[in-house]
């Protein structure tokens, strides 16, 4: 999905800062516990690789969850065009089709 699908949704700088702070606090604190600088380097590099992989998966999962949520309304694609701000039935359809690719972890959360 392109960022235009979320262009009408603003996030505040403090929200971004809080999310970054939470993740970096956890990662940097864990790395700081390693006494050897080279071991810290390797741990931080591993964490970087993890987040390079995690980021796109989370974004894909959120799009799929948006689609599942739209499906759950029971409304037609045409009727969802205006309240979602997606602009066209085709855009609504794209989001709804993403629900077919829900992440297994998200599906598991439904069972809790």
PDB file of N, CA and C in Angstrom:
ATOM      1  N   UNK A   1       0.835  -1.174   0.000  1.00  0.00           N
ATOM      2  CA  UNK A   1       0.000   0.000   0.000  1.00  0.00           C
ATOM      3  C   UNK A   1       0.884   1.243   0.000  1.00  0.00           C
ATOM      4  N   UNK A   2       0.376   2.267  -0.583  1.00  0.00           N
ATOM      5  CA  UNK A   2       1.128   3.510  -0.612  1.00  0.00           C
ATOM      6  C   UNK A   2       0.788   4.341   0.610  1.00  0.00           C
ATOM      7  N   UNK A   3       1.618   5.322   0.869  1.00  0.00           N
ATOM      8  CA  UNK A   3       1.360   6.172   2.018  1.00  0.00           C
ATOM      9  C   UNK A   3       0.126   7.030   1.802  1.00  0.00           C
ATOM     10  N   UNK A   4      -0.333   7.187   0.548  1.00  0.00           N
ATOM     11  CA  UNK A   4      -1.526   7.985   0.305  1.00  0.00           C
ATOM     12  C   UNK A   4      -2.750   7.390   1.000  1.00  0.00           C
ATOM     13  N   UNK A   5      -2.727   6.104   1.277  1.00  0.00           N
ATOM     14  CA  UNK A   5      -3.848   5.469   1.973  1.00  0.00           C
ATOM     15  C   UNK A   5      -3.975   5.975   3.404  1.00  0.00           C
ATOM     16  N   UNK A   6      -2.943   6.570   3.931  1.00  0.00           N
ATOM     17  CA  UNK A   6      -2.975   7.081   5.304  1.00  0.00           C
ATOM     18  C   UNK A   6      -2.671   8.575   5.363  1.00  0.00           C
ATOM     19  N   UNK A   7      -2.674   9.252   4.216  1.00  0.00           N
ATOM     20  CA  UNK A   7      -2.250  10.649   4.180  1.00  0.00           C
ATOM     21  C   UNK A   7      -3.137  11.576   5.004  1.00  0.00           C
ATOM     22  N   UNK A   8      -4.388  11.236   5.227  1.00  0.00           N
ATOM     23  CA  UNK A   8      -5.263  12.093   6.013  1.00  0.00           C
ATOM     24  C   UNK A   8      -5.132  11.895   7.509  1.00  0.00           C
ATOM     25  N   UNK A   9      -4.238  11.017   7.925  1.00  0.00           N
ATOM     26  CA  UNK A   9      -4.094  10.692   9.337  1.00  0.00           C
ATOM     27  C   UNK A   9      -2.766  11.229   9.840  1.00  0.00           C
ATOM     28  N   UNK A  10      -2.844  12.238  10.668  1.00  0.00           N
ATOM     29  CA  UNK A  10      -1.627  12.817  11.193  1.00  0.00           C
ATOM     30  C   UNK A  10      -1.184  12.140  12.465  1.00  0.00           C
ATOM     31  N   UNK A  11       0.097  12.153  12.670  1.00  0.00           N
ATOM     32  CA  UNK A  11       0.644  11.720  13.951  1.00  0.00           C
ATOM     33  C   UNK A  11       1.473  12.873  14.489  1.00  0.00           C
ATOM     34  N   UNK A  12       1.430  13.016  15.756  1.00  0.00           N
ATOM     35  CA  UNK A  12       2.160  14.108  16.408  1.00  0.00           C
ATOM     36  C   UNK A  12       3.602  13.692  16.665  1.00  0.00           C
ATOM     37  N   UNK A  13       4.478  14.663  16.674  1.00  0.00           N
ATOM     38  CA  UNK A  13       5.889  14.402  16.925  1.00  0.00           C
ATOM     39  C   UNK A  13       6.088  13.687  18.256  1.00  0.00           C
ATOM     40  N   UNK A  14       5.333  14.072  19.268  1.00  0.00           N
ATOM     41  CA  UNK A  14       5.498  13.442  20.579  1.00  0.00           C
ATOM     42  C   UNK A  14       5.116  11.959  20.525  1.00  0.00           C
ATOM     43  N   UNK A  15       4.165  11.593  19.659  1.00  0.00           N
ATOM     44  CA  UNK A  15       3.791  10.181  19.531  1.00  0.00           C
ATOM     45  C   UNK A  15       4.926   9.381  18.898  1.00  0.00           C
ATOM     46  N   UNK A  16       5.521   9.955  17.874  1.00  0.00           N
ATOM     47  CA  UNK A  16       6.656   9.301  17.211  1.00  0.00           C
ATOM     48  C   UNK A  16       7.816   9.193  18.194  1.00  0.00           C
ATOM     49  N   UNK A  17       8.105  10.292  18.892  1.00  0.00           N
ATOM     50  CA  UNK A  17       9.193  10.286  19.869  1.00  0.00           C
ATOM     51  C   UNK A  17       8.969   9.228  20.956  1.00  0.00           C
ATOM     52  N   UNK A  18       7.742   9.096  21.424  1.00  0.00           N
ATOM     53  CA  UNK A  18       7.443   8.117  22.470  1.00  0.00           C
ATOM     54  C   UNK A  18       7.649   6.696  21.961  1.00  0.00           C
ATOM     55  N   UNK A  19       7.215   6.427  20.740  1.00  0.00           N
ATOM     56  CA  UNK A  19       7.388   5.081  20.180  1.00  0.00           C
ATOM     57  C   UNK A  19       8.866   4.771  19.979  1.00  0.00           C
ATOM     58  N   UNK A  20       9.611   5.731  19.437  1.00  0.00           N
ATOM     59  CA  UNK A  20      11.049   5.535  19.228  1.00  0.00           C
ATOM     60  C   UNK A  20      11.753   5.370  20.568  1.00  0.00           C
ATOM     61  N   UNK A  21      11.386   6.191  21.537  1.00  0.00           N
ATOM     62  CA  UNK A  21      12.003   6.106  22.862  1.00  0.00           C
ATOM     63  C   UNK A  21      11.773   4.742  23.499  1.00  0.00           C
ATOM     64  N   UNK A  22      10.558   4.221  23.397  1.00  0.00           N
ATOM     65  CA  UNK A  22      10.255   2.923  24.002  1.00  0.00           C
ATOM     66  C   UNK A  22      11.111   1.816  23.390  1.00  0.00           C
ATOM     67  N   UNK A  23      11.214   1.811  22.077  1.00  0.00           N
ATOM     68  CA  UNK A  23      11.983   0.757  21.409  1.00  0.00           C
ATOM     69  C   UNK A  23      13.471   0.925  21.686  1.00  0.00           C
ATOM     70  N   UNK A  24      13.982   2.145  21.526  1.00  0.00           N
ATOM     71  CA  UNK A  24      15.420   2.351  21.732  1.00  0.00           C
ATOM     72  C   UNK A  24      15.826   2.129  23.182  1.00  0.00           C
ATOM     73  N   UNK A  25      14.973   2.497  24.113  1.00  0.00           N
ATOM     74  CA  UNK A  25      15.297   2.263  25.527  1.00  0.00           C
ATOM     75  C   UNK A  25      15.500   0.775  25.773  1.00  0.00           C
ATOM     76  N   UNK A  26      14.584  -0.032  25.249  1.00  0.00           N
ATOM     77  CA  UNK A  26      14.696  -1.477  25.443  1.00  0.00           C
ATOM     78  C   UNK A  26      15.952  -2.028  24.761  1.00  0.00           C
ATOM     79  N   UNK A  27      16.172  -1.640  23.505  1.00  0.00           N
ATOM     80  CA  UNK A  27      17.308  -2.183  22.755  1.00  0.00           C
ATOM     81  C   UNK A  27      18.648  -1.714  23.308  1.00  0.00           C
ATOM     82  N   UNK A  28      18.753  -0.433  23.596  1.00  0.00           N
ATOM     83  CA  UNK A  28      20.032   0.100  24.075  1.00  0.00           C
ATOM     84  C   UNK A  28      20.341  -0.338  25.495  1.00  0.00           C
ATOM     85  N   UNK A  29      19.322  -0.507  26.310  1.00  0.00           N
ATOM     86  CA  UNK A  29      19.532  -0.999  27.672  1.00  0.00           C
ATOM     87  C   UNK A  29      20.049  -2.428  27.639  1.00  0.00           C
ATOM     88  N   UNK A  30      19.454  -3.246  26.785  1.00  0.00           N
ATOM     89  CA  UNK A  30      19.902  -4.642  26.666  1.00  0.00           C
ATOM     90  C   UNK A  30      21.334  -4.699  26.158  1.00  0.00           C
ATOM     91  N   UNK A  31      21.666  -3.876  25.183  1.00  0.00           N
ATOM     92  CA  UNK A  31      23.028  -3.871  24.633  1.00  0.00           C
ATOM     93  C   UNK A  31      24.026  -3.356  25.660  1.00  0.00           C
ATOM     94  N   UNK A  32      23.618  -2.393  26.458  1.00  0.00           N
ATOM     95  CA  UNK A  32      24.520  -1.818  27.461  1.00  0.00           C
ATOM     96  C   UNK A  32      24.926  -2.839  28.514  1.00  0.00           C
ATOM     97  N   UNK A  33      24.126  -3.878  28.694  1.00  0.00           N
ATOM     98  CA  UNK A  33      24.451  -4.923  29.656  1.00  0.00           C
ATOM     99  C   UNK A  33      25.620  -5.791  29.200  1.00  0.00           C
ATOM    100  N   UNK A  34      25.972  -5.697  27.925  1.00  0.00           N
ATOM    101  CA  UNK A  34      27.099  -6.487  27.409  1.00  0.00           C
ATOM    102  C   UNK A  34      28.390  -5.704  27.640  1.00  0.00           C
ATOM    103  N   UNK A  35      29.337  -6.275  28.384  1.00  0.00           N
ATOM    104  CA  UNK A  35      30.547  -5.529  28.735  1.00  0.00           C
ATOM    105  C   UNK A  35      31.493  -5.301  27.552  1.00  0.00           C
ATOM    106  N   UNK A  36      31.496  -6.164  26.582  1.00  0.00           N
ATOM    107  CA  UNK A  36      32.414  -6.070  25.456  1.00  0.00           C
ATOM    108  C   UNK A  36      31.817  -5.186  24.352  1.00  0.00           C
ATOM    109  N   UNK A  37      32.512  -4.107  23.941  1.00  0.00           N
ATOM    110  CA  UNK A  37      32.000  -3.219  22.887  1.00  0.00           C
ATOM    111  C   UNK A  37      31.716  -3.952  21.571  1.00  0.00           C
ATOM    112  N   UNK A  38      32.518  -4.939  21.235  1.00  0.00           N
ATOM    113  CA  UNK A  38      32.285  -5.686  19.991  1.00  0.00           C
ATOM    114  C   UNK A  38      31.007  -6.522  20.115  1.00  0.00           C
ATOM    115  N   UNK A  39      30.781  -7.092  21.282  1.00  0.00           N
ATOM    116  CA  UNK A  39      29.537  -7.836  21.509  1.00  0.00           C
ATOM    117  C   UNK A  39      28.340  -6.890  21.418  1.00  0.00           C
ATOM    118  N   UNK A  40      28.475  -5.673  21.971  1.00  0.00           N
ATOM    119  CA  UNK A  40      27.403  -4.674  21.867  1.00  0.00           C
ATOM    120  C   UNK A  40      27.155  -4.319  20.407  1.00  0.00           C
ATOM    121  N   UNK A  41      28.242  -4.136  19.658  1.00  0.00           N
ATOM    122  CA  UNK A  41      28.128  -3.829  18.230  1.00  0.00           C
ATOM    123  C   UNK A  41      27.325  -4.922  17.517  1.00  0.00           C
ATOM    124  N   UNK A  42      27.665  -6.174  17.779  1.00  0.00           N
ATOM    125  CA  UNK A  42      26.965  -7.279  17.122  1.00  0.00           C
ATOM    126  C   UNK A  42      25.497  -7.341  17.556  1.00  0.00           C
ATOM    127  N   UNK A  43      25.233  -7.088  18.816  1.00  0.00           N
ATOM    128  CA  UNK A  43      23.851  -7.090  19.297  1.00  0.00           C
ATOM    129  C   UNK A  43      23.044  -5.965  18.656  1.00  0.00           C
ATOM    130  N   UNK A  44      23.639  -4.787  18.546  1.00  0.00           N
ATOM    131  CA  UNK A  44      22.945  -3.665  17.914  1.00  0.00           C
ATOM    132  C   UNK A  44      22.731  -3.914  16.422  1.00  0.00           C
ATOM    133  N   UNK A  45      23.695  -4.556  15.779  1.00  0.00           N
ATOM    134  CA  UNK A  45      23.542  -4.896  14.361  1.00  0.00           C
ATOM    135  C   UNK A  45      22.430  -5.922  14.174  1.00  0.00           C
ATOM    136  N   UNK A  46      22.363  -6.906  15.054  1.00  0.00           N
ATOM    137  CA  UNK A  46      21.298  -7.902  15.002  1.00  0.00           C
ATOM    138  C   UNK A  46      19.941  -7.230  15.216  1.00  0.00           C
ATOM    139  N   UNK A  47      19.884  -6.296  16.160  1.00  0.00           N
ATOM    140  CA  UNK A  47      18.637  -5.572  16.426  1.00  0.00           C
ATOM    141  C   UNK A  47      18.228  -4.737  15.206  1.00  0.00           C
ATOM    142  N   UNK A  48      19.212  -4.137  14.565  1.00  0.00           N
ATOM    143  CA  UNK A  48      18.916  -3.366  13.358  1.00  0.00           C
ATOM    144  C   UNK A  48      18.294  -4.271  12.298  1.00  0.00           C
ATOM    145  N   UNK A  49      18.878  -5.439  12.090  1.00  0.00           N
ATOM    146  CA  UNK A  49      18.358  -6.381  11.091  1.00  0.00           C
ATOM    147  C   UNK A  49      16.958  -6.838  11.451  1.00  0.00           C
ATOM    148  N   UNK A  50      16.738  -7.077  12.734  1.00  0.00           N
ATOM    149  CA  UNK A  50      15.408  -7.465  13.192  1.00  0.00           C
ATOM    150  C   UNK A  50      14.375  -6.406  12.812  1.00  0.00           C
ATOM    151  N   UNK A  51      14.665  -5.149  13.122  1.00  0.00           N
ATOM    152  CA  UNK A  51      13.718  -4.070  12.845  1.00  0.00           C
ATOM    153  C   UNK A  51      13.567  -3.790  11.358  1.00  0.00           C
ATOM    154  N   UNK A  52      14.597  -4.046  10.565  1.00  0.00           N
ATOM    155  CA  UNK A  52      14.460  -3.930   9.114  1.00  0.00           C
ATOM    156  C   UNK A  52      13.439  -4.941   8.599  1.00  0.00           C
ATOM    157  N   UNK A  53      13.354  -6.080   9.243  1.00  0.00           N
ATOM    158  CA  UNK A  53      12.425  -7.135   8.852  1.00  0.00           C
ATOM    159  C   UNK A  53      11.045  -6.915   9.474  1.00  0.00           C
ATOM    160  N   UNK A  54      11.015  -6.484  10.715  1.00  0.00           N
ATOM    161  CA  UNK A  54       9.763  -6.294  11.449  1.00  0.00           C
ATOM    162  C   UNK A  54       8.923  -5.158  10.862  1.00  0.00           C
ATOM    163  N   UNK A  55       9.559  -4.059  10.524  1.00  0.00           N
ATOM    164  CA  UNK A  55       8.829  -2.871  10.063  1.00  0.00           C
ATOM    165  C   UNK A  55       7.862  -3.152   8.925  1.00  0.00           C
ATOM    166  N   UNK A  56       8.343  -3.684   7.803  1.00  0.00           N
ATOM    167  CA  UNK A  56       7.427  -3.962   6.694  1.00  0.00           C
ATOM    168  C   UNK A  56       6.330  -4.964   7.050  1.00  0.00           C
ATOM    169  N   UNK A  57       6.656  -5.945   7.886  1.00  0.00           N
ATOM    170  CA  UNK A  57       5.638  -6.935   8.270  1.00  0.00           C
ATOM    171  C   UNK A  57       4.525  -6.283   9.075  1.00  0.00           C
ATOM    172  N   UNK A  58       4.884  -5.389   9.972  1.00  0.00           N
ATOM    173  CA  UNK A  58       3.875  -4.689  10.766  1.00  0.00           C
ATOM    174  C   UNK A  58       2.992  -3.835   9.861  1.00  0.00           C
ATOM    175  N   UNK A  59       3.599  -3.118   8.923  1.00  0.00           N
ATOM    176  CA  UNK A  59       2.814  -2.290   8.015  1.00  0.00           C
ATOM    177  C   UNK A  59       1.848  -3.136   7.190  1.00  0.00           C
ATOM    178  N   UNK A  60       2.330  -4.251   6.679  1.00  0.00           N
ATOM    179  CA  UNK A  60       1.479  -5.153   5.907  1.00  0.00           C
ATOM    180  C   UNK A  60       0.343  -5.688   6.771  1.00  0.00           C
ATOM    181  N   UNK A  61       0.654  -6.043   8.004  1.00  0.00           N
ATOM    182  CA  UNK A  61      -0.367  -6.560   8.920  1.00  0.00           C
ATOM    183  C   UNK A  61      -1.419  -5.503   9.228  1.00  0.00           C
ATOM    184  N   UNK A  62      -1.004  -4.261   9.384  1.00  0.00           N
ATOM    185  CA  UNK A  62      -1.973  -3.202   9.677  1.00  0.00           C
ATOM    186  C   UNK A  62      -2.924  -2.970   8.510  1.00  0.00           C
ATOM    187  N   UNK A  63      -2.402  -3.026   7.294  1.00  0.00           N
ATOM    188  CA  UNK A  63      -3.276  -2.890   6.127  1.00  0.00           C
ATOM    189  C   UNK A  63      -4.289  -4.034   6.103  1.00  0.00           C
ATOM    190  N   UNK A  64      -3.824  -5.251   6.350  1.00  0.00           N
ATOM    191  CA  UNK A  64      -4.724  -6.409   6.365  1.00  0.00           C
ATOM    192  C   UNK A  64      -5.783  -6.269   7.457  1.00  0.00           C
ATOM    193  N   UNK A  65      -5.402  -5.763   8.609  1.00  0.00           N
ATOM    194  CA  UNK A  65      -6.364  -5.571   9.701  1.00  0.00           C
ATOM    195  C   UNK A  65      -7.380  -4.493   9.345  1.00  0.00           C
ATOM    196  N   UNK A  66      -6.934  -3.463   8.651  1.00  0.00           N
ATOM    197  CA  UNK A  66      -7.874  -2.436   8.181  1.00  0.00           C
ATOM    198  C   UNK A  66      -8.895  -3.071   7.247  1.00  0.00           C
ATOM    199  N   UNK A  67      -8.420  -3.932   6.357  1.00  0.00           N
ATOM    200  CA  UNK A  67      -9.323  -4.614   5.425  1.00  0.00           C
ATOM    201  C   UNK A  67     -10.312  -5.508   6.139  1.00  0.00           C
ATOM    202  N   UNK A  68      -9.823  -6.250   7.121  1.00  0.00           N
ATOM    203  CA  UNK A  68     -10.707  -7.126   7.895  1.00  0.00           C
ATOM    204  C   UNK A  68     -11.752  -6.306   8.646  1.00  0.00           C
ATOM    205  N   UNK A  69     -11.347  -5.162   9.137  1.00  0.00           N
ATOM    206  CA  UNK A  69     -12.270  -4.285   9.855  1.00  0.00           C
ATOM    207  C   UNK A  69     -13.357  -3.761   8.917  1.00  0.00           C
ATOM    208  N   UNK A  70     -12.956  -3.377   7.705  1.00  0.00           N
ATOM    209  CA  UNK A  70     -13.960  -2.920   6.741  1.00  0.00           C
ATOM    210  C   UNK A  70     -14.922  -4.042   6.374  1.00  0.00           C
ATOM    211  N   UNK A  71     -14.398  -5.232   6.184  1.00  0.00           N
ATOM    212  CA  UNK A  71     -15.274  -6.375   5.886  1.00  0.00           C
ATOM    213  C   UNK A  71     -16.274  -6.605   7.012  1.00  0.00           C
ATOM    214  N   UNK A  72     -15.813  -6.447   8.232  1.00  0.00           N
ATOM    215  CA  UNK A  72     -16.664  -6.713   9.392  1.00  0.00           C
ATOM    216  C   UNK A  72     -17.831  -5.732   9.507  1.00  0.00           C
ATOM    217  N   UNK A  73     -17.745  -4.595   8.823  1.00  0.00           N
ATOM    218  CA  UNK A  73     -18.858  -3.639   8.882  1.00  0.00           C
ATOM    219  C   UNK A  73     -20.093  -4.176   8.184  1.00  0.00           C
ATOM    220  N   UNK A  74     -19.893  -5.085   7.202  1.00  0.00           N
ATOM    221  CA  UNK A  74     -21.011  -5.590   6.421  1.00  0.00           C
ATOM    222  C   UNK A  74     -21.500  -4.605   5.379  1.00  0.00           C
ATOM    223  N   UNK A  75     -20.850  -3.457   5.284  1.00  0.00           N
ATOM    224  CA  UNK A  75     -21.245  -2.436   4.312  1.00  0.00           C
ATOM    225  C   UNK A  75     -20.662  -2.762   2.938  1.00  0.00           C
ATOM    226  N   UNK A  76     -21.282  -2.236   1.903  1.00  0.00           N
ATOM    227  CA  UNK A  76     -20.758  -2.427   0.549  1.00  0.00           C
ATOM    228  C   UNK A  76     -19.545  -1.533   0.344  1.00  0.00           C
ATOM    229  N   UNK A  77     -18.760  -1.884  -0.647  1.00  0.00           N
ATOM    230  CA  UNK A  77     -17.576  -1.077  -0.965  1.00  0.00           C
ATOM    231  C   UNK A  77     -17.972   0.350  -1.321  1.00  0.00           C
ATOM    232  N   UNK A  78     -19.033   0.508  -2.070  1.00  0.00           N
ATOM    233  CA  UNK A  78     -19.508   1.847  -2.442  1.00  0.00           C
ATOM    234  C   UNK A  78     -19.885   2.633  -1.191  1.00  0.00           C
ATOM    235  N   UNK A  79     -20.610   1.994  -0.277  1.00  0.00           N
ATOM    236  CA  UNK A  79     -21.031   2.678   0.943  1.00  0.00           C
ATOM    237  C   UNK A  79     -19.857   3.027   1.857  1.00  0.00           C
ATOM    238  N   UNK A  80     -18.753   2.299   1.731  1.00  0.00           N
ATOM    239  CA  UNK A  80     -17.577   2.571   2.569  1.00  0.00           C
ATOM    240  C   UNK A  80     -16.682   3.668   2.004  1.00  0.00           C
ATOM    241  N   UNK A  81     -16.897   4.043   0.768  1.00  0.00           N
ATOM    242  CA  UNK A  81     -16.016   5.025   0.128  1.00  0.00           C
ATOM    243  C   UNK A  81     -15.954   6.340   0.891  1.00  0.00           C
ATOM    244  N   UNK A  82     -17.087   6.906   1.215  1.00  0.00           N
ATOM    245  CA  UNK A  82     -17.100   8.206   1.885  1.00  0.00           C
ATOM    246  C   UNK A  82     -16.615   8.153   3.331  1.00  0.00           C
ATOM    247  N   UNK A  83     -17.169   7.260   4.170  1.00  0.00           N
ATOM    248  CA  UNK A  83     -16.743   7.298   5.579  1.00  0.00           C
ATOM    249  C   UNK A  83     -15.275   6.924   5.808  1.00  0.00           C
ATOM    250  N   UNK A  84     -14.672   6.193   4.878  1.00  0.00           N
ATOM    251  CA  UNK A  84     -13.265   5.832   5.040  1.00  0.00           C
ATOM    252  C   UNK A  84     -12.327   6.889   4.476  1.00  0.00           C
ATOM    253  N   UNK A  85     -12.862   7.725   3.595  1.00  0.00           N
ATOM    254  CA  UNK A  85     -12.022   8.733   2.948  1.00  0.00           C
ATOM    255  C   UNK A  85     -11.125   8.154   1.873  1.00  0.00           C
ATOM    256  N   UNK A  86     -11.368   6.915   1.468  1.00  0.00           N
ATOM    257  CA  UNK A  86     -10.518   6.279   0.459  1.00  0.00           C
ATOM    258  C   UNK A  86     -10.803   6.783  -0.954  1.00  0.00           C
ATOM    259  N   UNK A  87     -11.944   7.412  -1.151  1.00  0.00           N
ATOM    260  CA  UNK A  87     -12.202   8.086  -2.413  1.00  0.00           C
ATOM    261  C   UNK A  87     -12.876   7.281  -3.507  1.00  0.00           C
ATOM    262  N   UNK A  88     -12.504   6.028  -3.648  1.00  0.00           N
ATOM    263  CA  UNK A  88     -13.115   5.213  -4.706  1.00  0.00           C
ATOM    264  C   UNK A  88     -13.430   3.811  -4.180  1.00  0.00           C
ATOM    265  N   UNK A  89     -14.369   3.184  -4.856  1.00  0.00           N
ATOM    266  CA  UNK A  89     -14.713   1.804  -4.523  1.00  0.00           C
ATOM    267  C   UNK A  89     -13.506   0.904  -4.733  1.00  0.00           C
ATOM    268  N   UNK A  90     -12.696   1.214  -5.748  1.00  0.00           N
ATOM    269  CA  UNK A  90     -11.513   0.406  -6.037  1.00  0.00           C
ATOM    270  C   UNK A  90     -10.506   0.455  -4.881  1.00  0.00           C
ATOM    271  N   UNK A  91     -10.324   1.614  -4.291  1.00  0.00           N
ATOM    272  CA  UNK A  91      -9.400   1.733  -3.147  1.00  0.00           C
ATOM    273  C   UNK A  91      -9.946   0.953  -1.949  1.00  0.00           C
ATOM    274  N   UNK A  92     -11.251   1.050  -1.727  1.00  0.00           N
ATOM    275  CA  UNK A  92     -11.873   0.272  -0.648  1.00  0.00           C
ATOM    276  C   UNK A  92     -11.656  -1.207  -0.919  1.00  0.00           C
ATOM    277  N   UNK A  93     -11.852  -1.617  -2.153  1.00  0.00           N
ATOM    278  CA  UNK A  93     -11.674  -3.021  -2.529  1.00  0.00           C
ATOM    279  C   UNK A  93     -10.244  -3.484  -2.271  1.00  0.00           C
ATOM    280  N   UNK A  94      -9.268  -2.642  -2.604  1.00  0.00           N
ATOM    281  CA  UNK A  94      -7.857  -3.009  -2.360  1.00  0.00           C
ATOM    282  C   UNK A  94      -7.608  -3.277  -0.878  1.00  0.00           C
ATOM    283  N   UNK A  95      -8.113  -2.397  -0.043  1.00  0.00           N
ATOM    284  CA  UNK A  95      -7.908  -2.556   1.400  1.00  0.00           C
ATOM    285  C   UNK A  95      -8.626  -3.819   1.879  1.00  0.00           C
ATOM    286  N   UNK A  96      -9.859  -4.016   1.419  1.00  0.00           N
ATOM    287  CA  UNK A  96     -10.617  -5.191   1.857  1.00  0.00           C
ATOM    288  C   UNK A  96      -9.953  -6.491   1.395  1.00  0.00           C
ATOM    289  N   UNK A  97      -9.373  -6.497   0.193  1.00  0.00           N
ATOM    290  CA  UNK A  97      -8.692  -7.695  -0.298  1.00  0.00           C
ATOM    291  C   UNK A  97      -7.454  -8.015   0.532  1.00  0.00           C
ATOM    292  N   UNK A  98      -6.847  -6.995   1.125  1.00  0.00           N
ATOM    293  CA  UNK A  98      -5.676  -7.221   1.974  1.00  0.00           C
ATOM    294  C   UNK A  98      -6.021  -8.105   3.171  1.00  0.00           C
ATOM    295  N   UNK A  99      -7.295  -8.151   3.550  1.00  0.00           N
ATOM    296  CA  UNK A  99      -7.715  -8.983   4.682  1.00  0.00           C
ATOM    297  C   UNK A  99      -7.428 -10.457   4.435  1.00  0.00           C
ATOM    298  N   UNK A 100      -7.321 -10.842   3.157  1.00  0.00           N
ATOM    299  CA  UNK A 100      -6.996 -12.236   2.825  1.00  0.00           C
ATOM    300  C   UNK A 100      -5.569 -12.599   3.236  1.00  0.00           C
ATOM    301  N   UNK A 101      -4.767 -11.592   3.527  1.00  0.00           N
ATOM    302  CA  UNK A 101      -3.359 -11.812   3.872  1.00  0.00           C
ATOM    303  C   UNK A 101      -3.069 -11.410   5.326  1.00  0.00           C
ATOM    304  N   UNK A 102      -4.035 -11.665   6.197  1.00  0.00           N
ATOM    305  CA  UNK A 102      -3.831 -11.325   7.608  1.00  0.00           C
ATOM    306  C   UNK A 102      -2.642 -12.093   8.173  1.00  0.00           C
ATOM    307  N   UNK A 103      -1.912 -11.428   9.037  1.00  0.00           N
ATOM    308  CA  UNK A 103      -0.749 -12.024   9.679  1.00  0.00           C
ATOM    309  C   UNK A 103      -1.217 -13.063  10.696  1.00  0.00           C
ATOM    310  N   UNK A 104      -0.547 -14.221  10.740  1.00  0.00           N
ATOM    311  CA  UNK A 104      -0.938 -15.266  11.708  1.00  0.00           C
ATOM    312  C   UNK A 104      -0.941 -14.769  13.151  1.00  0.00           C
ATOM    313  N   UNK A 105      -0.060 -13.858  13.480  1.00  0.00           N
ATOM    314  CA  UNK A 105      -0.028 -13.343  14.853  1.00  0.00           C
ATOM    315  C   UNK A 105      -1.287 -12.536  15.127  1.00  0.00           C
ATOM    316  N   UNK A 106      -1.698 -11.713  14.168  1.00  0.00           N
ATOM    317  CA  UNK A 106      -2.928 -10.926  14.345  1.00  0.00           C
ATOM    318  C   UNK A 106      -4.142 -11.844  14.471  1.00  0.00           C
ATOM    319  N   UNK A 107      -4.174 -12.885  13.669  1.00  0.00           N
ATOM    320  CA  UNK A 107      -5.271 -13.848  13.733  1.00  0.00           C
ATOM    321  C   UNK A 107      -5.297 -14.493  15.116  1.00  0.00           C
ATOM    322  N   UNK A 108      -4.124 -14.848  15.643  1.00  0.00           N
ATOM    323  CA  UNK A 108      -4.027 -15.445  16.967  1.00  0.00           C
ATOM    324  C   UNK A 108      -4.508 -14.500  18.062  1.00  0.00           C
ATOM    325  N   UNK A 109      -4.344 -13.213  17.880  1.00  0.00           N
ATOM    326  CA  UNK A 109      -4.810 -12.252  18.871  1.00  0.00           C
ATOM    327  C   UNK A 109      -6.329 -12.219  18.944  1.00  0.00           C
ATOM    328  N   UNK A 110      -6.984 -12.546  17.833  1.00  0.00           N
ATOM    329  CA  UNK A 110      -8.448 -12.625  17.832  1.00  0.00           C
ATOM    330  C   UNK A 110      -8.938 -13.724  18.772  1.00  0.00           C
ATOM    331  N   UNK A 111      -8.141 -14.757  18.946  1.00  0.00           N
ATOM    332  CA  UNK A 111      -8.526 -15.903  19.766  1.00  0.00           C
ATOM    333  C   UNK A 111      -8.338 -15.656  21.263  1.00  0.00           C
ATOM    334  N   UNK A 112      -7.699 -14.550  21.602  1.00  0.00           N
ATOM    335  CA  UNK A 112      -7.425 -14.286  23.025  1.00  0.00           C
ATOM    336  C   UNK A 112      -8.577 -13.600  23.699  1.00  0.00           C
TER     337      UNK A 112
END
